[in-house]
């Protein structure tokens, strides 16, 4: 297994796993497949070309992208001590293999390397017990619950907001 920051040459494969994530776990993301299905890989080529405040990492097994996570640094001055973890996904057949923890660890390491980052935030649907356990095992703590944060197919999902102080 290799975990590394994605580059423009990974854009097509990233787009493919992104579509899979949105279809496999629609309740876990604010965005939907319907909203993103017409996107081209070009947007990710540009994002990965010169990462300034957003860093996407991929887990590769035998050259196949099997998991991803993105760390986004806040840009506003008053929020510049914060970063957010978003777009976390591991292919179902690779879950419970340590890939998720390796991805989160890589994102935390990157946050630690960025000047001025003191805390990392993420949100997780309350029914996603494996993800909640993963984040807690990495040191994240719940600081609030947002009721009815997401609505998908007329079903509401609550989200827990978590923070890791570095």
N, C-alpha and C. Protein backbone atom coordinates (compact mmCIF):
# COMPACT_ATOMS: atom_id res chain seq x y z
N UNK A 1 0.85 -1.19 0.00
CA UNK A 1 0.00 0.00 0.00
C UNK A 1 0.88 1.24 0.00
N UNK A 2 0.48 2.19 -0.81
CA UNK A 2 1.17 3.48 -0.88
C UNK A 2 0.14 4.57 -0.63
N UNK A 3 0.49 5.53 0.22
CA UNK A 3 -0.35 6.71 0.43
C UNK A 3 0.46 7.90 -0.04
N UNK A 4 -0.12 8.66 -0.95
CA UNK A 4 0.60 9.84 -1.45
C UNK A 4 -0.39 10.92 -1.88
N UNK A 5 0.14 12.12 -1.99
CA UNK A 5 -0.66 13.24 -2.46
C UNK A 5 -0.92 13.05 -3.95
N UNK A 6 -2.15 13.33 -4.37
CA UNK A 6 -2.52 13.13 -5.77
C UNK A 6 -1.96 14.25 -6.64
N UNK A 7 -1.68 13.91 -7.89
CA UNK A 7 -1.14 14.85 -8.88
C UNK A 7 -2.12 14.91 -10.06
N UNK A 8 -1.90 15.83 -10.98
CA UNK A 8 -2.80 15.92 -12.14
C UNK A 8 -2.97 14.61 -12.91
N UNK A 9 -1.96 13.75 -12.92
CA UNK A 9 -2.08 12.49 -13.65
C UNK A 9 -3.05 11.52 -12.97
N UNK A 10 -3.42 11.80 -11.71
CA UNK A 10 -4.38 10.97 -10.98
C UNK A 10 -5.82 11.43 -11.14
N UNK A 11 -6.04 12.50 -11.87
CA UNK A 11 -7.36 13.14 -11.92
C UNK A 11 -8.46 12.21 -12.44
N UNK A 12 -8.19 11.46 -13.50
CA UNK A 12 -9.21 10.57 -14.06
C UNK A 12 -9.61 9.50 -13.04
N UNK A 13 -8.60 8.90 -12.41
CA UNK A 13 -8.88 7.85 -11.43
C UNK A 13 -9.60 8.43 -10.20
N UNK A 14 -9.21 9.66 -9.82
CA UNK A 14 -9.90 10.30 -8.69
C UNK A 14 -11.37 10.53 -9.03
N UNK A 15 -11.63 11.03 -10.22
CA UNK A 15 -13.01 11.28 -10.63
C UNK A 15 -13.82 9.99 -10.58
N UNK A 16 -13.23 8.90 -11.00
CA UNK A 16 -13.89 7.60 -10.98
C UNK A 16 -14.24 7.17 -9.55
N UNK A 17 -13.30 7.29 -8.61
CA UNK A 17 -13.58 6.89 -7.23
C UNK A 17 -14.55 7.88 -6.57
N UNK A 18 -14.49 9.13 -6.99
CA UNK A 18 -15.44 10.12 -6.47
C UNK A 18 -16.86 9.74 -6.86
N UNK A 19 -17.07 9.39 -8.13
CA UNK A 19 -18.40 8.97 -8.58
C UNK A 19 -18.85 7.73 -7.82
N UNK A 20 -17.93 6.77 -7.63
CA UNK A 20 -18.26 5.57 -6.88
C UNK A 20 -18.69 5.92 -5.46
N UNK A 21 -17.96 6.81 -4.82
CA UNK A 21 -18.27 7.21 -3.44
C UNK A 21 -19.66 7.83 -3.35
N UNK A 22 -19.97 8.71 -4.28
CA UNK A 22 -21.27 9.39 -4.26
C UNK A 22 -22.42 8.42 -4.49
N UNK A 23 -22.16 7.35 -5.25
CA UNK A 23 -23.20 6.35 -5.50
C UNK A 23 -23.27 5.30 -4.40
N UNK A 24 -22.11 4.89 -3.87
CA UNK A 24 -22.05 3.86 -2.86
C UNK A 24 -22.52 4.36 -1.49
N UNK A 25 -22.21 5.60 -1.17
CA UNK A 25 -22.52 6.17 0.15
C UNK A 25 -23.16 7.55 0.00
N UNK A 26 -24.31 7.62 -0.64
CA UNK A 26 -24.90 8.94 -0.94
C UNK A 26 -25.21 9.77 0.30
N UNK A 27 -25.50 9.11 1.41
CA UNK A 27 -25.84 9.82 2.64
C UNK A 27 -24.61 10.42 3.33
N UNK A 28 -23.42 10.03 2.91
CA UNK A 28 -22.20 10.45 3.59
C UNK A 28 -21.61 11.75 3.05
N UNK A 29 -22.15 12.25 1.95
CA UNK A 29 -21.58 13.44 1.31
C UNK A 29 -22.67 14.49 1.10
N UNK A 30 -22.29 15.75 1.23
CA UNK A 30 -23.25 16.83 0.99
C UNK A 30 -23.59 16.91 -0.50
N UNK A 31 -22.62 16.65 -1.34
CA UNK A 31 -22.84 16.66 -2.78
C UNK A 31 -23.47 15.33 -3.20
N UNK A 32 -23.98 15.30 -4.41
CA UNK A 32 -24.61 14.07 -4.90
C UNK A 32 -24.05 13.70 -6.28
N UNK A 33 -24.22 12.45 -6.63
CA UNK A 33 -23.80 11.98 -7.95
C UNK A 33 -24.50 12.78 -9.04
N UNK A 34 -25.80 13.04 -8.84
CA UNK A 34 -26.57 13.78 -9.84
C UNK A 34 -25.97 15.16 -10.08
N UNK A 35 -25.44 15.78 -9.04
CA UNK A 35 -24.85 17.11 -9.18
C UNK A 35 -23.47 17.08 -9.81
N UNK A 36 -22.76 15.98 -9.67
CA UNK A 36 -21.37 15.94 -10.12
C UNK A 36 -21.13 15.08 -11.36
N UNK A 37 -22.13 14.31 -11.80
CA UNK A 37 -21.91 13.30 -12.85
C UNK A 37 -21.41 13.87 -14.17
N UNK A 38 -21.63 15.15 -14.41
CA UNK A 38 -21.17 15.75 -15.67
C UNK A 38 -19.83 16.46 -15.55
N UNK A 39 -19.22 16.38 -14.38
CA UNK A 39 -17.91 17.00 -14.20
C UNK A 39 -16.86 16.24 -14.99
N UNK A 40 -15.86 16.99 -15.42
CA UNK A 40 -14.74 16.33 -16.10
C UNK A 40 -13.56 16.26 -15.13
N UNK A 41 -12.60 15.47 -15.47
CA UNK A 41 -11.41 15.34 -14.64
C UNK A 41 -10.57 16.61 -14.65
N UNK A 42 -10.85 17.48 -15.59
CA UNK A 42 -10.09 18.73 -15.73
C UNK A 42 -10.07 19.54 -14.45
N UNK A 43 -11.21 19.60 -13.75
CA UNK A 43 -11.27 20.37 -12.50
C UNK A 43 -10.28 19.82 -11.48
N UNK A 44 -10.13 18.50 -11.42
CA UNK A 44 -9.21 17.90 -10.46
C UNK A 44 -7.76 18.03 -10.94
N UNK A 45 -7.54 17.97 -12.25
CA UNK A 45 -6.19 18.21 -12.76
C UNK A 45 -5.69 19.56 -12.29
N UNK A 46 -6.56 20.57 -12.38
CA UNK A 46 -6.19 21.91 -11.96
C UNK A 46 -5.99 22.00 -10.45
N UNK A 47 -6.87 21.37 -9.68
CA UNK A 47 -6.75 21.40 -8.22
C UNK A 47 -5.48 20.70 -7.75
N UNK A 48 -5.14 19.60 -8.40
CA UNK A 48 -3.97 18.82 -7.98
C UNK A 48 -2.66 19.42 -8.49
N UNK A 49 -2.74 20.29 -9.51
CA UNK A 49 -1.53 20.84 -10.13
C UNK A 49 -0.74 21.72 -9.17
N UNK A 50 -1.43 22.63 -8.50
CA UNK A 50 -0.77 23.56 -7.59
C UNK A 50 -1.57 23.62 -6.30
N UNK A 51 -1.43 22.60 -5.46
CA UNK A 51 -2.20 22.60 -4.21
C UNK A 51 -1.70 23.68 -3.26
N UNK A 52 -2.57 24.62 -2.95
CA UNK A 52 -2.20 25.71 -2.05
C UNK A 52 -2.89 25.50 -0.71
N UNK A 53 -4.19 25.37 -0.73
CA UNK A 53 -4.96 25.21 0.50
C UNK A 53 -5.77 23.92 0.54
N UNK A 54 -5.67 23.10 -0.50
CA UNK A 54 -6.40 21.83 -0.54
C UNK A 54 -5.43 20.74 -0.98
N UNK A 55 -5.38 19.67 -0.19
CA UNK A 55 -4.44 18.59 -0.43
C UNK A 55 -5.21 17.27 -0.42
N UNK A 56 -5.19 16.56 -1.54
CA UNK A 56 -5.91 15.30 -1.64
C UNK A 56 -4.91 14.17 -1.68
N UNK A 57 -5.17 13.18 -0.82
CA UNK A 57 -4.29 12.02 -0.71
C UNK A 57 -5.02 10.78 -1.18
N UNK A 58 -4.27 9.88 -1.77
CA UNK A 58 -4.84 8.64 -2.25
C UNK A 58 -4.11 7.44 -1.67
N UNK A 59 -4.87 6.39 -1.44
CA UNK A 59 -4.30 5.10 -1.03
C UNK A 59 -4.30 4.21 -2.26
N UNK A 60 -3.14 3.68 -2.61
CA UNK A 60 -2.99 2.84 -3.79
C UNK A 60 -2.58 1.43 -3.38
N UNK A 61 -3.24 0.46 -3.98
CA UNK A 61 -2.85 -0.94 -3.84
C UNK A 61 -2.65 -1.47 -5.25
N UNK A 62 -1.43 -1.89 -5.53
CA UNK A 62 -1.09 -2.39 -6.87
C UNK A 62 -1.53 -1.40 -7.95
N UNK A 63 -1.20 -0.15 -7.74
CA UNK A 63 -1.45 0.97 -8.66
C UNK A 63 -2.92 1.35 -8.79
N UNK A 64 -3.81 0.72 -8.02
CA UNK A 64 -5.23 1.07 -8.06
C UNK A 64 -5.56 2.01 -6.91
N UNK A 65 -6.26 3.09 -7.22
CA UNK A 65 -6.69 4.05 -6.19
C UNK A 65 -7.87 3.43 -5.44
N UNK A 66 -7.68 3.15 -4.15
CA UNK A 66 -8.71 2.45 -3.38
C UNK A 66 -9.26 3.27 -2.22
N UNK A 67 -8.69 4.46 -2.00
CA UNK A 67 -9.19 5.33 -0.94
C UNK A 67 -8.66 6.74 -1.13
N UNK A 68 -9.44 7.71 -0.65
CA UNK A 68 -9.05 9.12 -0.79
C UNK A 68 -9.49 9.92 0.42
N UNK A 69 -8.83 11.04 0.63
CA UNK A 69 -9.21 12.02 1.64
C UNK A 69 -8.63 13.37 1.23
N UNK A 70 -9.34 14.45 1.57
CA UNK A 70 -8.87 15.79 1.26
C UNK A 70 -8.79 16.62 2.53
N UNK A 71 -7.70 17.34 2.67
CA UNK A 71 -7.50 18.30 3.75
C UNK A 71 -7.57 19.69 3.14
N UNK A 72 -8.44 20.54 3.69
CA UNK A 72 -8.60 21.90 3.18
C UNK A 72 -8.26 22.88 4.28
N UNK A 73 -7.31 23.74 4.01
CA UNK A 73 -6.93 24.79 4.96
C UNK A 73 -7.88 25.97 4.78
N UNK A 74 -8.37 26.48 5.90
CA UNK A 74 -9.22 27.67 5.85
C UNK A 74 -8.39 28.86 5.35
N UNK A 75 -9.02 29.73 4.56
CA UNK A 75 -8.29 30.84 3.96
C UNK A 75 -8.50 32.17 4.66
N UNK A 76 -9.63 32.34 5.34
CA UNK A 76 -9.88 33.61 6.01
C UNK A 76 -8.93 33.79 7.20
N UNK A 77 -8.49 35.00 7.43
CA UNK A 77 -7.50 35.28 8.46
C UNK A 77 -7.93 34.74 9.82
N UNK A 78 -9.16 34.99 10.21
CA UNK A 78 -9.62 34.58 11.53
C UNK A 78 -9.82 33.07 11.66
N UNK A 79 -9.84 32.37 10.53
CA UNK A 79 -10.00 30.92 10.53
C UNK A 79 -8.72 30.20 10.11
N UNK A 80 -7.65 30.95 9.89
CA UNK A 80 -6.45 30.37 9.29
C UNK A 80 -5.73 29.36 10.19
N UNK A 81 -6.17 29.21 11.42
CA UNK A 81 -5.59 28.21 12.33
C UNK A 81 -6.31 26.87 12.21
N UNK A 82 -7.24 26.78 11.25
CA UNK A 82 -8.09 25.60 11.12
C UNK A 82 -7.95 24.94 9.75
N UNK A 83 -8.20 23.63 9.74
CA UNK A 83 -8.28 22.88 8.48
C UNK A 83 -9.46 21.92 8.62
N UNK A 84 -9.95 21.43 7.48
CA UNK A 84 -11.09 20.51 7.46
C UNK A 84 -10.73 19.27 6.65
N UNK A 85 -11.20 18.14 7.14
CA UNK A 85 -11.08 16.90 6.38
C UNK A 85 -12.43 16.65 5.71
N UNK A 86 -12.38 16.43 4.39
CA UNK A 86 -13.59 16.21 3.60
C UNK A 86 -13.33 15.09 2.59
N UNK A 87 -14.40 14.64 1.96
CA UNK A 87 -14.33 13.69 0.83
C UNK A 87 -13.56 12.42 1.16
N UNK A 88 -13.75 11.93 2.38
CA UNK A 88 -13.09 10.69 2.81
C UNK A 88 -13.87 9.51 2.25
N UNK A 89 -13.15 8.58 1.61
CA UNK A 89 -13.80 7.39 1.07
C UNK A 89 -12.79 6.28 0.89
N UNK A 90 -13.19 5.09 1.29
CA UNK A 90 -12.42 3.87 1.05
C UNK A 90 -13.36 2.88 0.39
N UNK A 91 -12.88 2.24 -0.68
CA UNK A 91 -13.71 1.24 -1.37
C UNK A 91 -14.19 0.19 -0.37
N UNK A 92 -15.46 -0.25 -0.49
CA UNK A 92 -16.02 -1.19 0.48
C UNK A 92 -15.17 -2.43 0.73
N UNK A 93 -14.60 -2.98 -0.32
CA UNK A 93 -13.82 -4.22 -0.15
C UNK A 93 -12.48 -3.99 0.56
N UNK A 94 -12.10 -2.72 0.74
CA UNK A 94 -10.83 -2.40 1.40
C UNK A 94 -11.03 -1.83 2.80
N UNK A 95 -12.28 -1.73 3.24
CA UNK A 95 -12.55 -1.20 4.57
C UNK A 95 -12.08 -2.18 5.64
N UNK A 96 -11.81 -1.66 6.81
CA UNK A 96 -11.31 -2.44 7.95
C UNK A 96 -9.96 -3.09 7.66
N UNK A 97 -9.19 -2.47 6.76
CA UNK A 97 -7.86 -2.98 6.43
C UNK A 97 -6.76 -2.04 6.91
N UNK A 98 -7.15 -0.93 7.53
CA UNK A 98 -6.16 0.05 7.98
C UNK A 98 -5.95 1.19 7.01
N UNK A 99 -6.56 1.10 5.81
CA UNK A 99 -6.40 2.16 4.81
C UNK A 99 -6.98 3.49 5.29
N UNK A 100 -8.16 3.43 5.88
CA UNK A 100 -8.80 4.65 6.36
C UNK A 100 -7.94 5.37 7.38
N UNK A 101 -7.41 4.61 8.33
CA UNK A 101 -6.55 5.20 9.36
C UNK A 101 -5.29 5.78 8.74
N UNK A 102 -4.72 5.08 7.77
CA UNK A 102 -3.52 5.58 7.09
C UNK A 102 -3.80 6.89 6.36
N UNK A 103 -4.97 6.98 5.71
CA UNK A 103 -5.34 8.22 5.02
C UNK A 103 -5.52 9.37 6.00
N UNK A 104 -6.26 9.13 7.08
CA UNK A 104 -6.48 10.18 8.08
C UNK A 104 -5.16 10.61 8.70
N UNK A 105 -4.31 9.64 8.99
CA UNK A 105 -2.99 9.95 9.56
C UNK A 105 -2.18 10.83 8.62
N UNK A 106 -2.24 10.54 7.32
CA UNK A 106 -1.52 11.34 6.33
C UNK A 106 -2.06 12.77 6.30
N UNK A 107 -3.38 12.92 6.38
CA UNK A 107 -3.98 14.25 6.39
C UNK A 107 -3.57 15.02 7.65
N UNK A 108 -3.53 14.32 8.78
CA UNK A 108 -3.11 14.96 10.04
C UNK A 108 -1.64 15.38 9.95
N UNK A 109 -0.81 14.51 9.38
CA UNK A 109 0.61 14.86 9.20
C UNK A 109 0.77 16.10 8.34
N UNK A 110 -0.04 16.18 7.28
CA UNK A 110 0.03 17.35 6.40
C UNK A 110 -0.39 18.60 7.17
N UNK A 111 -1.47 18.50 7.94
CA UNK A 111 -1.92 19.66 8.73
C UNK A 111 -0.83 20.10 9.68
N UNK A 112 -0.15 19.14 10.31
CA UNK A 112 0.94 19.48 11.22
C UNK A 112 2.09 20.18 10.52
N UNK A 113 2.27 19.91 9.24
CA UNK A 113 3.37 20.52 8.48
C UNK A 113 3.04 21.92 7.98
N UNK A 114 1.76 22.29 8.04
CA UNK A 114 1.34 23.61 7.56
C UNK A 114 1.47 24.62 8.69
N UNK A 115 2.11 25.70 8.41
CA UNK A 115 2.35 26.73 9.41
C UNK A 115 1.03 27.29 9.94
N UNK A 116 0.88 27.24 11.26
CA UNK A 116 -0.26 27.89 11.89
C UNK A 116 -1.50 27.04 12.09
N UNK A 117 -1.54 25.82 11.56
CA UNK A 117 -2.73 24.98 11.75
C UNK A 117 -2.71 24.41 13.16
N UNK A 118 -3.79 24.65 13.90
CA UNK A 118 -3.89 24.21 15.30
C UNK A 118 -4.98 23.17 15.52
N UNK A 119 -5.94 23.09 14.60
CA UNK A 119 -7.03 22.15 14.79
C UNK A 119 -7.62 21.73 13.44
N UNK A 120 -8.16 20.50 13.44
CA UNK A 120 -8.75 19.93 12.22
C UNK A 120 -10.19 19.54 12.55
N UNK A 121 -11.09 19.88 11.65
CA UNK A 121 -12.51 19.57 11.81
C UNK A 121 -12.96 18.58 10.75
N UNK A 122 -14.00 17.83 11.09
CA UNK A 122 -14.69 16.99 10.12
C UNK A 122 -16.11 16.76 10.60
N UNK A 123 -16.95 16.30 9.70
CA UNK A 123 -18.33 15.95 10.03
C UNK A 123 -18.58 14.54 9.55
N UNK A 124 -19.40 13.81 10.32
CA UNK A 124 -19.71 12.42 9.97
C UNK A 124 -21.17 12.15 10.30
N UNK A 125 -21.84 11.45 9.41
CA UNK A 125 -23.23 11.08 9.64
C UNK A 125 -23.29 10.18 10.88
N UNK A 126 -24.22 10.46 11.77
CA UNK A 126 -24.27 9.75 13.06
C UNK A 126 -24.47 8.25 12.92
N UNK A 127 -25.05 7.80 11.82
CA UNK A 127 -25.28 6.37 11.63
C UNK A 127 -24.06 5.63 11.08
N UNK A 128 -23.02 6.37 10.72
CA UNK A 128 -21.81 5.76 10.15
C UNK A 128 -20.85 5.38 11.29
N UNK A 129 -21.20 4.31 12.00
CA UNK A 129 -20.45 3.89 13.18
C UNK A 129 -18.98 3.57 12.87
N UNK A 130 -18.67 2.83 11.78
CA UNK A 130 -17.25 2.55 11.51
C UNK A 130 -16.42 3.83 11.33
N UNK A 131 -16.96 4.82 10.62
CA UNK A 131 -16.23 6.07 10.41
C UNK A 131 -16.05 6.82 11.73
N UNK A 132 -17.10 6.85 12.55
CA UNK A 132 -17.00 7.52 13.84
C UNK A 132 -15.92 6.88 14.71
N UNK A 133 -15.86 5.54 14.70
CA UNK A 133 -14.82 4.83 15.47
C UNK A 133 -13.43 5.15 14.92
N UNK A 134 -13.32 5.19 13.60
CA UNK A 134 -12.04 5.51 12.98
C UNK A 134 -11.56 6.89 13.42
N UNK A 135 -12.42 7.88 13.30
CA UNK A 135 -12.03 9.25 13.65
C UNK A 135 -11.68 9.36 15.13
N UNK A 136 -12.46 8.73 15.99
CA UNK A 136 -12.17 8.75 17.42
C UNK A 136 -10.82 8.08 17.69
N UNK A 137 -10.51 7.01 16.99
CA UNK A 137 -9.23 6.32 17.20
C UNK A 137 -8.04 7.19 16.78
N UNK A 138 -8.30 8.19 15.96
CA UNK A 138 -7.25 9.12 15.52
C UNK A 138 -7.20 10.38 16.40
N UNK A 139 -8.04 10.41 17.42
CA UNK A 139 -8.00 11.52 18.37
C UNK A 139 -9.07 12.57 18.21
N UNK A 140 -9.96 12.41 17.23
CA UNK A 140 -11.04 13.37 17.04
C UNK A 140 -12.09 13.21 18.13
N UNK A 141 -12.66 14.33 18.57
CA UNK A 141 -13.70 14.33 19.59
C UNK A 141 -14.93 15.04 19.07
N UNK A 142 -16.10 14.53 19.43
CA UNK A 142 -17.37 15.16 19.05
C UNK A 142 -17.54 16.44 19.87
N UNK A 143 -17.91 17.53 19.18
CA UNK A 143 -18.20 18.76 19.91
C UNK A 143 -19.61 19.27 19.64
N UNK A 144 -20.33 18.57 18.78
CA UNK A 144 -21.72 18.96 18.53
C UNK A 144 -22.39 18.05 17.53
N UNK A 145 -23.72 18.06 17.58
CA UNK A 145 -24.52 17.28 16.64
C UNK A 145 -25.47 18.23 15.92
N UNK A 146 -25.49 18.11 14.61
CA UNK A 146 -26.39 18.91 13.78
C UNK A 146 -27.55 18.01 13.36
N UNK A 147 -28.71 18.31 13.89
CA UNK A 147 -29.91 17.53 13.55
C UNK A 147 -30.33 17.81 12.11
N UNK A 148 -30.74 16.77 11.42
CA UNK A 148 -31.25 16.90 10.05
C UNK A 148 -30.28 17.67 9.14
N UNK A 149 -29.00 17.36 9.28
CA UNK A 149 -27.97 18.07 8.51
C UNK A 149 -28.08 17.80 7.02
N UNK A 150 -28.40 16.56 6.67
CA UNK A 150 -28.54 16.18 5.27
C UNK A 150 -29.92 15.58 5.04
N UNK A 151 -30.43 15.77 3.83
CA UNK A 151 -31.70 15.16 3.46
C UNK A 151 -31.50 14.48 2.11
N UNK A 152 -31.76 13.17 2.09
CA UNK A 152 -31.58 12.39 0.87
C UNK A 152 -32.75 11.43 0.75
N UNK A 153 -33.44 11.47 -0.40
CA UNK A 153 -34.62 10.61 -0.64
C UNK A 153 -35.62 10.71 0.51
N UNK A 154 -35.90 11.93 0.92
CA UNK A 154 -36.87 12.22 1.98
C UNK A 154 -36.50 11.63 3.34
N UNK A 155 -35.22 11.32 3.52
CA UNK A 155 -34.74 10.86 4.83
C UNK A 155 -33.70 11.86 5.33
N UNK A 156 -33.83 12.22 6.59
CA UNK A 156 -32.87 13.14 7.20
C UNK A 156 -31.76 12.36 7.87
N UNK A 157 -30.56 12.95 7.84
CA UNK A 157 -29.40 12.36 8.51
C UNK A 157 -28.78 13.42 9.41
N UNK A 158 -28.54 13.05 10.66
CA UNK A 158 -27.85 13.93 11.58
C UNK A 158 -26.35 13.77 11.37
N UNK A 159 -25.60 14.83 11.67
CA UNK A 159 -24.15 14.76 11.58
C UNK A 159 -23.53 15.14 12.91
N UNK A 160 -22.46 14.44 13.24
CA UNK A 160 -21.65 14.83 14.38
C UNK A 160 -20.47 15.63 13.85
N UNK A 161 -20.19 16.73 14.53
CA UNK A 161 -19.03 17.55 14.19
C UNK A 161 -17.92 17.18 15.15
N UNK A 162 -16.75 16.91 14.59
CA UNK A 162 -15.62 16.46 15.39
C UNK A 162 -14.42 17.38 15.18
N UNK A 163 -13.57 17.44 16.19
CA UNK A 163 -12.37 18.27 16.12
C UNK A 163 -11.18 17.50 16.70
N UNK A 164 -10.01 17.77 16.14
CA UNK A 164 -8.75 17.28 16.68
C UNK A 164 -7.87 18.50 16.91
N UNK A 165 -7.49 18.71 18.17
CA UNK A 165 -6.57 19.80 18.48
C UNK A 165 -5.16 19.29 18.36
N UNK A 166 -4.35 19.96 17.55
CA UNK A 166 -2.97 19.51 17.31
C UNK A 166 -2.02 20.01 18.38
